[in-house]
Amino acid sequence: INTATVRATITRSQGLLLMENPADGDGVLLLKRVHPDGSFTHYDAVETEDNADRLKSNDCDKSKCFKILRDNLLLLLTIISAILGIVVGFAVQTTRPSPRTVMLINFPGEILLRLLQMLIMPLIVASLISGIAGLDVRTSGKLGVRAVTYYMTTTLLATILGILLVVTIQPGNRTGDGCIDITQGSSTEKIHTLDAFLDLIRNMFPDNLVEAGFQSTHTVEKQVTKYKRCGNETFNETTHVMFDLEQRRGMNVLGLIVFSIALAITLVKMGERGEPLRQFFVCLNEAVMRLITVVIWYSPVGILFLIAAKVAEVNNMGDLFASIGFYCLTVLIGLLIHSAVTLPLVYFVFTRKNPYKLLRGVIQALVFAFGTSSSAATLPVTMQCIEEKCGIDQRVSRFVLPVGATINMDGTALYEAVAAIFIAQYNNISLNFGQIVTISITATAASIGAAAVPQAGLYTMIIVLTAVGLPPEDISLIIVIDWLLDRFRTTVNVMGDTFGAGIVQHLSRKQLGIDENTQPERTDGTEEQETRE
C-alpha cells in the first residue's frame, strides 16, 4: 500500500503500523506488521466502531424497507391488478368477445362483490353498536352532529362546483357531430321529488328489520283505468293515478343504521345490564373484521377481472369519448378539483394537519373503491386502513364511516348536477336561476338517499331531472359512460369519508380523551417501528 496515495495517518507502536484511509471514508483501519528494514509481512483490515454502527444502520434501513414493502404488499398488488385489468380488457376487446365471454371474465369479480356484500350487514350493525355503546350519549350525539354537518357541507360544495364547471365549459353544446349513442330500454320511470324524500324517511324506519337486510321501500305511480261493462259494451271509462309502495331488491342500509344507533344508545343507558349484549357485538365485529381480512387478500384477483370485463364490454372506446368527451371531461375535472383541493382544504382548515399524509394511508381503499365501484363494498377496507395506517380511533371510525358510506356522496352529487345541466344544454333548454338552485338542492338531497352500490346514481339522477322538468328518458345519453364515471365518483366518496373521520376525531379529541400528539398518524408503520427502537 502506498501511504502517499491514500494520505494515511500513520502511528508506530511496537512494530505495528496503523493507517486510517481518509480517502475512502469507510471507517476501516489498515493494520500492518513492520520489520526494521521497513518491509511488512502481514496485513489485516479492522473495522472501527463507527463503521460497525454504519453497517448496523444499513441493516436497519434494509429491515425498514422490507417492513414497508410487506405492510404495503396488498396495496401494490391492488394497483397492479387494476392496471392489468385495463390492459387485459383492451386486449380482449380487440377480439370482440361475446356476452357470455364477458360474463365469464367478470365471474371472479362477481364472487368478490358477493363476498363483500355478504359481510356488509353484520359489519355495519356490529361496528356501529360496538362503537357507539362504548361512548356516553352526549359524546355520541356530538360525533353524529359533526359528521352529518361535514357530510352535508362537502356534498353541497361538490354540487356547486359541478354547476359552475358545466355552466362554464358548456359540454352539451360541444358534442362533436351531434350524434350520441342512445341505449334503448333504459329506465324512464316517473319519480316525483316529494316521493323520493318520503321514501328516504320511510326507509329510515323499516317495518321489518329482517327484510331491511335485502329490500328497501319505493313509491310507485300507477295509472289505473276503471270502466263499467254491460254485455259487450263498455261505459264510463275513467283513468286516475294511484300510488303504491313497492319492495325492491337492495339492502336498506339507512334503516339498519338508524336501528343500530338506537340500540347502541339504549345499551349505554342500560349500563351494566346491557354490557353482555355490547360484548356480543364487540366480539361479532372482531370476527367479521377477521373474515374481511381474508376476503381482502382475494381482492386483487377480483378487481382485475371486474375492470377487464367492463373495458371489454365497450365496443369502441374512441367513438364513445368522441361523442360525450366534453361531458366526461367536465365531470372528471370537477371530481379532481373536489378531491385534490376542496376536501384537503376543508381538512386542513379544521385540523391544521397535512391532508395528503392522511390520504397515503388509505390509497389501498381508494384503489379498491375504483375497482368495485361501491362505497359499501369498500367500507371494510376503508375501516381497516383508517384504523391501522392512519391512527383513527375505532370509536370514531366505526361510527363515522358506516354513516358516511350511506349519506356522504360528494362525487354522486357533483355528477348529477353536471349531468342534469348537460342534458338541458343538449336539448337547447335554458335553465333560469331558480331551476339551477333547485338542481343544487335536489342533487345534494338525492345523493344522500343514493344506495352505496354500483351505478346507484342513475336512479337518483331521474329525481333531479324530474325536479326541473327535464325528460327522464334522456338519461340514456349518458348511461353508456356511467360505468366509468361511477368508479371515479365512488373513489371521491370514499375519500370524503376518510377526511370526515379525521375531522371528527380532531374536533372530538377532548370528549374521547385522545392525545393526538402522543398518537401520531401512521401511514406506513415506520413511526411505530422507530418508537419501539
Protein backbone atom coordinates (compact mmCIF):
# COMPACT_ATOMS: atom_id res chain seq x y z
CA ILE A 1 0.00 0.00 0.00
CA ASN A 2 1.36 3.39 -0.96
CA THR A 3 0.85 5.62 2.07
CA ALA A 4 1.24 8.72 -0.06
CA THR A 5 -1.58 7.63 -2.30
CA VAL A 6 -4.06 7.02 0.50
CA ARG A 7 -2.85 10.03 2.53
CA ALA A 8 -2.90 7.94 5.66
CA THR A 9 -2.30 8.92 9.23
CA ILE A 10 0.49 6.69 10.48
CA THR A 11 1.12 5.63 14.08
CA ARG A 12 4.09 3.41 15.03
CA SER A 13 3.85 1.29 18.19
CA GLN A 14 5.92 -1.85 18.84
CA GLY A 15 6.40 -2.56 15.21
CA LEU A 16 2.72 -2.01 14.27
CA LEU A 17 1.71 0.47 11.62
CA LEU A 18 -1.85 1.74 11.93
CA MET A 19 -3.20 3.53 8.87
CA GLU A 20 -6.67 5.06 8.53
CA ASN A 21 -7.82 5.59 4.98
CA PRO A 22 -9.49 9.01 4.77
CA ALA A 23 -9.84 8.74 1.01
CA ASP A 24 -12.48 6.03 1.27
CA GLY A 25 -14.05 7.39 4.43
CA ASP A 26 -15.46 3.97 5.20
CA GLY A 27 -14.10 3.73 8.74
CA VAL A 28 -11.81 0.73 8.01
CA LEU A 29 -8.37 0.65 9.69
CA LEU A 30 -5.41 -0.97 7.95
CA LEU A 31 -3.09 -2.93 10.25
CA LYS A 32 0.49 -3.98 9.23
CA ARG A 33 3.45 -5.63 10.96
CA VAL A 34 6.57 -3.66 10.12
CA HIS A 35 10.14 -5.05 10.01
CA PRO A 36 13.27 -2.97 10.89
CA ASP A 37 14.15 -2.66 7.21
CA GLY A 38 10.77 -1.06 6.53
CA SER A 39 9.17 -4.04 4.83
CA PHE A 40 6.00 -5.74 6.14
CA THR A 41 4.78 -9.31 6.02
CA HIS A 42 1.19 -9.13 7.33
CA TYR A 43 -1.86 -7.02 6.52
CA ASP A 44 -5.37 -7.05 8.02
CA ALA A 45 -8.49 -4.89 7.81
CA VAL A 46 -10.09 -3.93 11.12
CA GLU A 47 -13.47 -2.26 11.46
CA THR A 48 -13.84 0.77 13.67
CA GLU A 49 -16.86 1.32 15.92
CA ASP A 50 -18.12 3.99 13.53
CA ASN A 51 -18.10 1.55 10.65
CA ALA A 52 -19.85 -1.13 12.71
CA ASP A 53 -22.56 1.39 13.59
CA ARG A 54 -22.84 2.30 9.91
CA LEU A 55 -23.27 -1.32 8.89
CA LYS A 56 -25.86 -1.80 11.63
CA SER A 57 -27.69 1.29 10.36
CA ASN A 58 -27.65 -0.15 6.83
CA ASP A 59 -29.16 -3.37 8.17
CA CYS A 60 -31.86 -1.33 9.93
CA ASP A 61 -32.61 0.55 6.71
CA LYS A 62 -32.96 -2.73 4.86
CA SER A 63 -35.28 -4.13 7.53
CA LYS A 64 -37.38 -0.95 7.43
CA CYS A 65 -37.64 -1.15 3.64
CA PHE A 66 -38.65 -4.78 3.90
CA LYS A 67 -41.24 -3.93 6.54
CA ILE A 68 -42.70 -1.12 4.42
CA LEU A 69 -42.86 -3.45 1.41
CA ARG A 70 -44.51 -6.14 3.50
CA ASP A 71 -47.04 -3.72 5.00
CA ASN A 72 -47.96 -2.33 1.57
CA LEU A 73 -47.84 -5.60 -0.38
CA LEU A 74 -51.63 -5.73 -0.69
CA LEU A 75 -51.70 -2.14 -1.92
CA LEU A 76 -49.09 -2.88 -4.59
CA LEU A 77 -50.97 -5.98 -5.69
CA THR A 78 -54.22 -3.99 -5.89
CA ILE A 79 -52.66 -1.25 -8.04
CA ILE A 80 -51.00 -3.81 -10.30
CA SER A 81 -54.28 -5.71 -10.68
CA ALA A 82 -56.12 -2.50 -11.68
CA ILE A 83 -53.53 -1.74 -14.34
CA LEU A 84 -53.54 -5.33 -15.60
CA GLY A 85 -57.34 -5.25 -15.69
CA ILE A 86 -57.28 -2.28 -18.10
CA VAL A 87 -54.64 -3.94 -20.27
CA VAL A 88 -56.44 -7.29 -20.35
CA GLY A 89 -59.75 -5.54 -21.06
CA PHE A 90 -58.38 -3.73 -24.10
CA ALA A 91 -56.72 -6.94 -25.32
CA VAL A 92 -59.99 -8.88 -25.04
CA GLN A 93 -61.90 -6.00 -26.63
CA THR A 94 -59.95 -6.42 -29.88
CA THR A 95 -61.38 -9.93 -30.23
CA ARG A 96 -64.97 -8.62 -29.99
CA PRO A 97 -65.99 -11.00 -27.19
CA SER A 98 -69.49 -12.43 -26.91
CA PRO A 99 -71.71 -11.54 -23.93
CA ARG A 100 -71.03 -14.97 -22.44
CA THR A 101 -67.27 -14.39 -22.66
CA VAL A 102 -67.64 -11.07 -20.85
CA MET A 103 -69.78 -12.77 -18.22
CA LEU A 104 -67.13 -15.45 -17.64
CA ILE A 105 -64.38 -12.81 -17.37
CA ASN A 106 -66.48 -10.94 -14.81
CA PHE A 107 -67.17 -14.06 -12.73
CA PRO A 108 -64.16 -13.83 -10.34
CA GLY A 109 -65.02 -10.18 -9.74
CA GLU A 110 -68.64 -11.06 -9.11
CA ILE A 111 -67.52 -13.51 -6.42
CA LEU A 112 -65.52 -10.72 -4.74
CA LEU A 113 -68.56 -8.41 -4.65
CA ARG A 114 -70.79 -11.18 -3.30
CA LEU A 115 -68.31 -11.95 -0.52
CA LEU A 116 -68.12 -8.31 0.48
CA GLN A 117 -71.87 -7.76 0.28
CA MET A 118 -72.35 -10.82 2.47
CA LEU A 119 -70.32 -9.13 5.22
CA ILE A 120 -71.71 -5.59 4.88
CA MET A 121 -74.78 -6.04 7.08
CA PRO A 122 -73.04 -7.68 10.08
CA LEU A 123 -70.19 -5.18 9.73
CA ILE A 124 -72.46 -2.11 9.79
CA VAL A 125 -74.60 -3.36 12.67
CA ALA A 126 -71.72 -4.69 14.79
CA SER A 127 -69.36 -1.76 14.20
CA LEU A 128 -71.99 0.88 14.93
CA ILE A 129 -73.31 -0.79 18.08
CA SER A 130 -69.88 -1.69 19.48
CA GLY A 131 -68.53 1.77 18.68
CA ILE A 132 -71.41 3.90 19.97
CA ALA A 133 -72.11 1.68 23.01
CA GLY A 134 -68.57 2.44 24.19
CA LEU A 135 -69.40 6.17 24.35
CA ASP A 136 -71.72 8.18 26.55
CA VAL A 137 -74.88 9.56 25.00
CA ARG A 138 -73.62 13.15 24.91
CA THR A 139 -70.38 12.21 23.11
CA SER A 140 -72.14 10.06 20.51
CA GLY A 141 -74.56 12.91 19.86
CA LYS A 142 -71.72 15.35 19.24
CA LEU A 143 -69.99 12.86 16.93
CA GLY A 144 -73.19 12.46 14.93
CA VAL A 145 -73.84 16.19 14.59
CA ARG A 146 -70.27 16.89 13.48
CA ALA A 147 -70.24 14.02 10.99
CA VAL A 148 -73.59 14.91 9.40
CA THR A 149 -72.68 18.61 9.25
CA TYR A 150 -69.41 17.79 7.49
CA TYR A 151 -71.10 15.44 5.01
CA MET A 152 -73.86 17.92 4.15
CA THR A 153 -71.37 20.78 3.71
CA THR A 154 -68.96 18.92 1.43
CA THR A 155 -71.81 17.48 -0.65
CA LEU A 156 -73.25 20.96 -1.19
CA LEU A 157 -69.78 22.28 -2.13
CA ALA A 158 -69.40 19.45 -4.67
CA THR A 159 -72.78 20.28 -6.22
CA ILE A 160 -71.96 24.00 -6.53
CA LEU A 161 -68.58 23.15 -8.08
CA GLY A 162 -70.24 20.88 -10.65
CA ILE A 163 -72.76 23.57 -11.62
CA LEU A 164 -70.03 26.20 -12.05
CA LEU A 165 -67.99 23.89 -14.28
CA VAL A 166 -70.86 22.72 -16.50
CA VAL A 167 -72.11 26.30 -16.99
CA THR A 168 -68.59 27.43 -17.87
CA ILE A 169 -67.49 24.56 -20.15
CA GLN A 170 -70.90 24.06 -21.81
CA PRO A 171 -70.38 20.34 -22.66
CA GLY A 172 -73.93 19.98 -24.02
CA ASN A 173 -73.10 22.38 -26.84
CA ARG A 174 -69.88 20.57 -27.81
CA THR A 175 -70.96 17.06 -28.80
CA GLY A 176 -68.90 16.88 -31.96
CA ASP A 177 -71.07 15.82 -34.90
CA GLY A 178 -74.15 15.90 -32.66
CA CYS A 179 -74.53 12.12 -32.69
CA ILE A 180 -74.74 10.34 -29.36
CA ASP A 181 -75.41 6.64 -28.91
CA ILE A 182 -78.70 6.13 -27.12
CA THR A 183 -79.32 2.93 -25.19
CA GLN A 184 -82.85 1.68 -25.61
CA GLY A 185 -84.64 0.10 -22.73
CA SER A 186 -83.22 2.43 -20.10
CA SER A 187 -85.40 3.25 -17.13
CA THR A 188 -87.88 6.08 -17.70
CA GLU A 189 -89.92 5.52 -14.56
CA LYS A 190 -91.63 8.70 -13.41
CA ILE A 191 -90.33 9.71 -10.00
CA HIS A 192 -91.50 12.75 -8.07
CA THR A 193 -89.12 14.61 -5.79
CA LEU A 194 -91.59 14.53 -2.90
CA ASP A 195 -91.99 10.75 -3.22
CA ALA A 196 -88.22 10.32 -3.14
CA PHE A 197 -87.93 12.30 0.12
CA LEU A 198 -90.82 10.40 1.69
CA ASP A 199 -89.19 7.10 0.69
CA LEU A 200 -85.99 8.29 2.34
CA ILE A 201 -87.86 8.81 5.62
CA ARG A 202 -89.78 5.53 5.25
CA ASN A 203 -86.56 3.58 4.80
CA MET A 204 -85.15 5.12 7.99
CA PHE A 205 -87.88 3.26 9.90
CA PRO A 206 -88.28 -0.20 8.29
CA ASP A 207 -91.38 -2.14 9.29
CA ASN A 208 -89.44 -5.41 9.13
CA LEU A 209 -85.82 -5.41 10.26
CA VAL A 210 -85.02 -8.74 8.63
CA GLU A 211 -86.50 -7.54 5.35
CA ALA A 212 -84.34 -4.40 5.57
CA GLY A 213 -81.33 -6.64 5.10
CA PHE A 214 -82.20 -7.26 1.46
CA GLN A 215 -85.09 -4.96 0.43
CA SER A 216 -85.98 -1.27 0.52
CA THR A 217 -89.25 0.61 0.00
CA HIS A 218 -90.03 2.77 -3.04
CA THR A 219 -93.16 4.67 -4.13
CA VAL A 220 -94.60 3.65 -7.49
CA GLU A 221 -97.07 5.72 -9.51
CA LYS A 222 -99.64 3.64 -11.39
CA GLN A 223 -102.24 4.55 -13.98
CA VAL A 224 -105.49 2.78 -13.11
CA THR A 225 -108.41 2.59 -15.55
CA LYS A 226 -111.94 1.95 -14.28
CA TYR A 227 -114.90 1.17 -16.50
CA LYS A 228 -118.31 -0.44 -16.39
CA ARG A 229 -119.10 -3.30 -18.76
CA CYS A 230 -122.64 -4.19 -19.76
CA GLY A 231 -122.65 -7.20 -22.04
CA ASN A 232 -120.28 -6.48 -24.88
CA GLU A 233 -120.34 -2.71 -24.34
CA THR A 234 -118.13 -0.59 -22.07
CA PHE A 235 -119.37 2.59 -20.36
CA ASN A 236 -117.94 5.31 -18.10
CA GLU A 237 -114.26 4.64 -18.70
CA THR A 238 -112.13 6.72 -16.28
CA THR A 239 -108.39 6.84 -15.62
CA HIS A 240 -106.79 8.07 -12.42
CA VAL A 241 -103.44 7.85 -10.66
CA MET A 242 -102.70 5.65 -7.68
CA PHE A 243 -99.60 5.49 -5.51
CA ASP A 244 -98.38 2.21 -4.16
CA LEU A 245 -95.37 1.09 -2.10
CA GLU A 246 -93.10 -1.46 -3.71
CA GLN A 247 -90.32 -3.52 -2.16
CA ARG A 248 -87.20 -3.60 -4.31
CA ARG A 249 -84.10 -5.72 -4.08
CA GLY A 250 -81.26 -3.96 -2.29
CA MET A 251 -80.20 -3.59 1.32
CA ASN A 252 -81.89 -0.81 3.28
CA VAL A 253 -78.65 0.47 4.80
CA LEU A 254 -80.24 3.63 6.17
CA GLY A 255 -82.78 1.63 8.16
CA LEU A 256 -80.08 -0.64 9.59
CA ILE A 257 -78.02 2.38 10.63
CA VAL A 258 -80.94 4.05 12.42
CA PHE A 259 -81.80 0.83 14.25
CA SER A 260 -78.16 0.20 15.22
CA ILE A 261 -77.72 3.72 16.58
CA ALA A 262 -80.95 3.48 18.58
CA LEU A 263 -79.99 0.07 20.02
CA ALA A 264 -76.48 1.28 20.91
CA ILE A 265 -77.81 4.34 22.76
CA THR A 266 -80.25 2.08 24.62
CA LEU A 267 -77.39 -0.21 25.70
CA VAL A 268 -75.48 2.81 27.01
CA LYS A 269 -78.45 3.87 29.14
CA MET A 270 -78.89 0.31 30.44
CA GLY A 271 -75.41 0.38 31.95
CA GLU A 272 -74.14 -2.93 33.35
CA ARG A 273 -77.29 -4.79 32.34
CA GLY A 274 -76.56 -4.03 28.70
CA GLU A 275 -72.89 -4.99 28.92
CA PRO A 276 -73.32 -8.68 27.86
CA LEU A 277 -75.08 -7.67 24.64
CA ARG A 278 -72.48 -4.98 23.96
CA GLN A 279 -69.70 -7.52 24.38
CA PHE A 280 -71.50 -9.80 21.93
CA PHE A 281 -71.41 -7.11 19.24
CA VAL A 282 -67.78 -6.29 20.05
CA CYS A 283 -66.89 -9.96 19.53
CA LEU A 284 -69.02 -10.12 16.38
CA ASN A 285 -67.27 -7.05 14.98
CA GLU A 286 -63.84 -8.57 15.59
CA ALA A 287 -64.87 -11.85 13.95
CA VAL A 288 -66.27 -10.03 10.90
CA MET A 289 -63.08 -7.97 10.54
CA ARG A 290 -61.02 -11.16 10.52
CA LEU A 291 -63.23 -12.61 7.79
CA ILE A 292 -62.87 -9.37 5.85
CA THR A 293 -59.08 -9.61 6.08
CA VAL A 294 -59.23 -12.98 4.34
CA VAL A 295 -61.56 -11.65 1.63
CA ILE A 296 -59.38 -8.58 1.05
CA TRP A 297 -56.41 -10.73 0.09
CA TYR A 298 -58.56 -12.12 -2.71
CA SER A 299 -59.47 -8.60 -3.86
CA PRO A 300 -56.57 -8.09 -6.35
CA VAL A 301 -57.85 -11.04 -8.38
CA GLY A 302 -61.45 -9.84 -8.28
CA ILE A 303 -60.57 -6.24 -9.17
CA LEU A 304 -58.50 -7.38 -12.15
CA PHE A 305 -61.44 -9.27 -13.69
CA LEU A 306 -64.04 -6.64 -12.76
CA ILE A 307 -62.16 -3.92 -14.64
CA ALA A 308 -61.21 -6.22 -17.52
CA ALA A 309 -64.86 -7.21 -18.06
CA LYS A 310 -66.08 -3.62 -18.05
CA VAL A 311 -63.42 -2.45 -20.52
CA ALA A 312 -64.02 -5.44 -22.80
CA GLU A 313 -67.76 -4.69 -22.78
CA VAL A 314 -67.32 -1.33 -24.55
CA ASN A 315 -67.45 -1.74 -28.32
CA ASN A 316 -65.49 1.33 -29.38
CA MET A 317 -63.86 3.45 -26.71
CA GLY A 318 -62.75 6.11 -29.22
CA ASP A 319 -66.25 6.75 -30.56
CA LEU A 320 -67.60 6.80 -27.03
CA PHE A 321 -65.30 9.60 -25.88
CA ALA A 322 -65.70 11.48 -29.17
CA SER A 323 -69.46 11.73 -28.65
CA ILE A 324 -69.58 12.78 -24.99
CA GLY A 325 -65.95 13.59 -24.32
CA PHE A 326 -66.58 17.12 -23.02
CA TYR A 327 -69.22 15.81 -20.63
CA CYS A 328 -66.75 13.25 -19.25
CA LEU A 329 -64.04 15.91 -19.07
CA THR A 330 -66.31 18.23 -17.09
CA VAL A 331 -67.19 15.53 -14.56
CA LEU A 332 -63.56 14.39 -14.17
CA ILE A 333 -62.27 17.96 -13.73
CA GLY A 334 -64.90 18.55 -11.07
CA LEU A 335 -64.02 15.34 -9.22
CA LEU A 336 -60.31 16.17 -9.45
CA ILE A 337 -60.76 19.68 -8.02
CA HIS A 338 -63.05 18.44 -5.25
CA SER A 339 -60.71 15.60 -4.23
CA ALA A 340 -57.39 17.42 -4.63
CA VAL A 341 -58.38 20.92 -3.45
CA THR A 342 -61.77 21.20 -1.70
CA LEU A 343 -61.64 18.18 0.62
CA PRO A 344 -57.95 18.62 1.61
CA LEU A 345 -58.56 22.33 2.22
CA VAL A 346 -61.55 21.63 4.48
CA TYR A 347 -59.49 19.04 6.39
CA PHE A 348 -56.57 21.46 6.80
CA VAL A 349 -58.80 24.33 7.97
CA PHE A 350 -60.25 22.22 10.79
CA THR A 351 -57.20 20.18 11.82
CA ARG A 352 -54.13 22.20 10.67
CA LYS A 353 -52.61 18.90 9.52
CA ASN A 354 -51.22 17.69 6.21
CA PRO A 355 -54.22 16.14 4.40
CA TYR A 356 -52.09 14.24 1.89
CA LYS A 357 -50.40 12.34 4.70
CA LEU A 358 -53.81 11.00 5.68
CA LEU A 359 -54.53 10.06 2.06
CA ARG A 360 -51.34 7.99 1.82
CA GLY A 361 -52.75 5.69 4.46
CA VAL A 362 -55.94 4.94 2.50
CA ILE A 363 -54.55 4.54 -1.01
CA GLN A 364 -55.49 0.87 -0.91
CA ALA A 365 -59.11 1.76 -0.07
CA LEU A 366 -59.24 4.30 -2.91
CA VAL A 367 -57.94 1.77 -5.45
CA PHE A 368 -60.43 -0.75 -4.05
CA ALA A 369 -63.26 1.77 -4.49
CA PHE A 370 -62.25 2.34 -8.10
CA GLY A 371 -62.24 -1.39 -8.77
CA THR A 372 -65.54 -2.30 -7.08
CA SER A 373 -67.44 0.97 -7.76
CA SER A 374 -69.22 0.55 -4.43
CA SER A 375 -68.81 2.56 -1.23
CA ALA A 376 -70.47 -0.20 0.78
CA ALA A 377 -68.19 -2.91 -0.60
CA THR A 378 -65.16 -0.69 0.12
CA LEU A 379 -66.27 0.02 3.71
CA PRO A 380 -64.35 -2.91 5.28
CA VAL A 381 -61.14 -1.89 3.52
CA THR A 382 -61.59 1.78 4.43
CA MET A 383 -62.18 0.89 8.05
CA GLN A 384 -59.09 -1.30 8.19
CA CYS A 385 -56.83 1.28 6.52
CA ILE A 386 -58.02 4.22 8.57
CA GLU A 387 -57.58 2.41 11.88
CA GLU A 388 -54.29 0.62 11.22
CA LYS A 389 -52.45 3.11 9.00
CA CYS A 390 -53.97 6.49 9.86
CA GLY A 391 -54.29 6.11 13.62
CA ILE A 392 -58.02 6.95 13.72
CA ASP A 393 -59.71 5.79 16.93
CA GLN A 394 -62.05 2.83 16.48
CA ARG A 395 -64.85 4.67 18.28
CA VAL A 396 -64.72 7.31 15.56
CA SER A 397 -64.20 5.08 12.52
CA ARG A 398 -66.92 2.59 13.45
CA PHE A 399 -69.44 5.41 13.84
CA VAL A 400 -68.45 7.87 11.11
CA LEU A 401 -67.56 5.51 8.24
CA PRO A 402 -70.79 3.43 8.06
CA VAL A 403 -72.82 6.65 8.17
CA GLY A 404 -70.56 8.22 5.54
CA ALA A 405 -70.84 5.22 3.22
CA THR A 406 -74.59 5.80 3.22
CA ILE A 407 -75.12 9.58 3.18
CA ASN A 408 -71.80 11.05 2.01
CA MET A 409 -71.99 11.09 -1.79
CA ASP A 410 -69.91 14.10 -2.88
CA GLY A 411 -68.96 12.57 -6.22
CA THR A 412 -72.53 11.48 -6.93
CA ALA A 413 -73.94 14.95 -6.18
CA LEU A 414 -71.39 16.62 -8.48
CA TYR A 415 -72.10 14.12 -11.24
CA GLU A 416 -75.87 14.59 -11.00
CA ALA A 417 -75.63 18.37 -11.18
CA VAL A 418 -73.36 18.21 -14.24
CA ALA A 419 -75.49 15.55 -15.96
CA ALA A 420 -78.78 17.43 -15.47
CA ILE A 421 -77.47 20.69 -16.94
CA PHE A 422 -75.67 18.77 -19.72
CA ILE A 423 -78.98 17.19 -20.78
CA ALA A 424 -80.65 20.62 -20.73
CA GLN A 425 -77.88 22.08 -22.91
CA TYR A 426 -78.08 19.17 -25.34
CA ASN A 427 -81.84 19.74 -25.75
CA ASN A 428 -81.38 23.55 -26.07
CA ILE A 429 -83.38 24.10 -22.88
CA SER A 430 -82.49 27.27 -20.99
CA LEU A 431 -82.46 26.97 -17.21
CA ASN A 432 -83.18 30.02 -15.06
CA PHE A 433 -81.50 30.76 -11.74
CA GLY A 434 -84.32 29.19 -9.75
CA GLN A 435 -84.03 25.91 -11.68
CA ILE A 436 -80.27 25.82 -11.14
CA VAL A 437 -80.80 26.35 -7.39
CA THR A 438 -83.38 23.55 -7.49
CA ILE A 439 -80.82 21.27 -9.16
CA SER A 440 -78.23 22.06 -6.49
CA ILE A 441 -80.62 21.36 -3.61
CA THR A 442 -82.17 18.28 -5.22
CA ALA A 443 -78.80 16.79 -6.24
CA THR A 444 -77.49 17.28 -2.70
CA ALA A 445 -80.53 15.71 -1.07
CA ALA A 446 -80.96 12.91 -3.63
CA SER A 447 -77.32 11.86 -3.34
CA ILE A 448 -77.82 11.34 0.40
CA GLY A 449 -80.51 8.78 -0.35
CA ALA A 450 -78.46 7.00 -3.02
CA ALA A 451 -77.58 3.42 -2.25
CA ALA A 452 -73.90 2.67 -1.72
CA VAL A 453 -73.87 0.23 -4.65
CA PRO A 454 -72.56 0.44 -8.24
CA GLN A 455 -74.37 2.95 -10.51
CA ALA A 456 -76.93 3.92 -7.86
CA GLY A 457 -76.59 7.49 -9.14
CA LEU A 458 -78.67 6.62 -12.21
CA TYR A 459 -81.75 6.17 -10.05
CA THR A 460 -81.30 9.44 -8.18
CA MET A 461 -80.47 11.13 -11.49
CA ILE A 462 -84.09 10.66 -12.54
CA ILE A 463 -85.18 12.55 -9.40
CA VAL A 464 -83.03 15.56 -10.34
CA LEU A 465 -84.26 15.59 -13.95
CA THR A 466 -87.89 15.39 -12.87
CA ALA A 467 -87.45 18.21 -10.34
CA VAL A 468 -86.65 20.74 -13.10
CA GLY A 469 -88.89 19.30 -15.81
CA LEU A 470 -86.20 17.70 -17.97
CA PRO A 471 -87.05 14.50 -19.89
CA PRO A 472 -86.02 11.47 -17.74
CA GLU A 473 -85.62 9.30 -20.85
CA ASP A 474 -82.59 11.41 -21.86
CA ILE A 475 -80.61 9.67 -19.16
CA SER A 476 -79.81 7.24 -21.97
CA LEU A 477 -77.45 9.91 -23.35
CA ILE A 478 -75.00 9.36 -20.51
CA ILE A 479 -75.66 5.79 -19.43
CA VAL A 480 -73.08 4.46 -21.89
CA ILE A 481 -70.23 6.11 -19.96
CA ASP A 482 -71.71 5.90 -16.47
CA TRP A 483 -69.83 2.70 -15.63
CA LEU A 484 -66.50 4.56 -15.89
CA LEU A 485 -67.51 7.81 -14.19
CA ASP A 486 -69.13 5.79 -11.42
CA ARG A 487 -65.71 4.44 -10.45
CA PHE A 488 -64.20 7.90 -10.15
CA ARG A 489 -67.07 9.36 -8.14
CA THR A 490 -67.07 6.34 -5.80
CA THR A 491 -63.37 6.95 -5.16
CA VAL A 492 -64.15 10.58 -4.28
CA ASN A 493 -66.96 9.44 -1.97
CA VAL A 494 -64.59 7.17 -0.05
CA MET A 495 -62.01 9.95 0.11
CA GLY A 496 -64.64 12.22 1.66
CA ASP A 497 -65.43 9.57 4.28
CA THR A 498 -61.75 9.42 5.19
CA PHE A 499 -61.37 13.16 5.68
CA GLY A 500 -64.62 13.19 7.64
CA ALA A 501 -63.29 10.64 10.12
CA GLY A 502 -60.10 12.66 10.57
CA ILE A 503 -62.00 15.91 11.15
CA VAL A 504 -64.50 14.36 13.58
CA GLN A 505 -61.68 12.78 15.61
CA HIS A 506 -59.81 16.09 15.81
CA LEU A 507 -62.89 18.03 16.89
CA SER A 508 -63.91 15.32 19.40
CA ARG A 509 -60.46 14.60 20.86
CA LYS A 510 -61.30 16.11 24.25
CA GLN A 511 -64.55 14.18 24.66
CA LEU A 512 -62.82 10.94 23.58
CA GLY A 513 -59.71 11.56 25.68
CA ILE A 514 -57.40 11.33 22.65
CA ASP A 515 -53.97 12.96 22.77
CA GLU A 516 -53.06 13.36 19.09
CA ASN A 517 -49.53 14.43 20.00
CA THR A 518 -48.78 11.03 21.52
CA GLN A 519 -50.75 9.15 18.84
CA PRO A 520 -49.44 10.46 15.52
CA GLU A 521 -50.97 9.40 12.25
CA ARG A 522 -49.29 6.32 10.83
CA THR A 523 -49.18 5.85 7.11
CA ASP A 524 -46.62 3.10 6.61
CA GLY A 525 -45.83 1.71 10.05
CA THR A 526 -42.33 3.25 10.19
CA GLU A 527 -43.12 5.64 13.04
CA GLU A 528 -44.25 2.76 15.23
CA GLN A 529 -41.07 0.85 14.41
CA GLU A 530 -38.89 3.85 15.29
CA THR A 531 -40.68 4.27 18.64
CA ARG A 532 -40.01 0.65 19.61
CA GLU A 533 -36.34 1.02 18.68
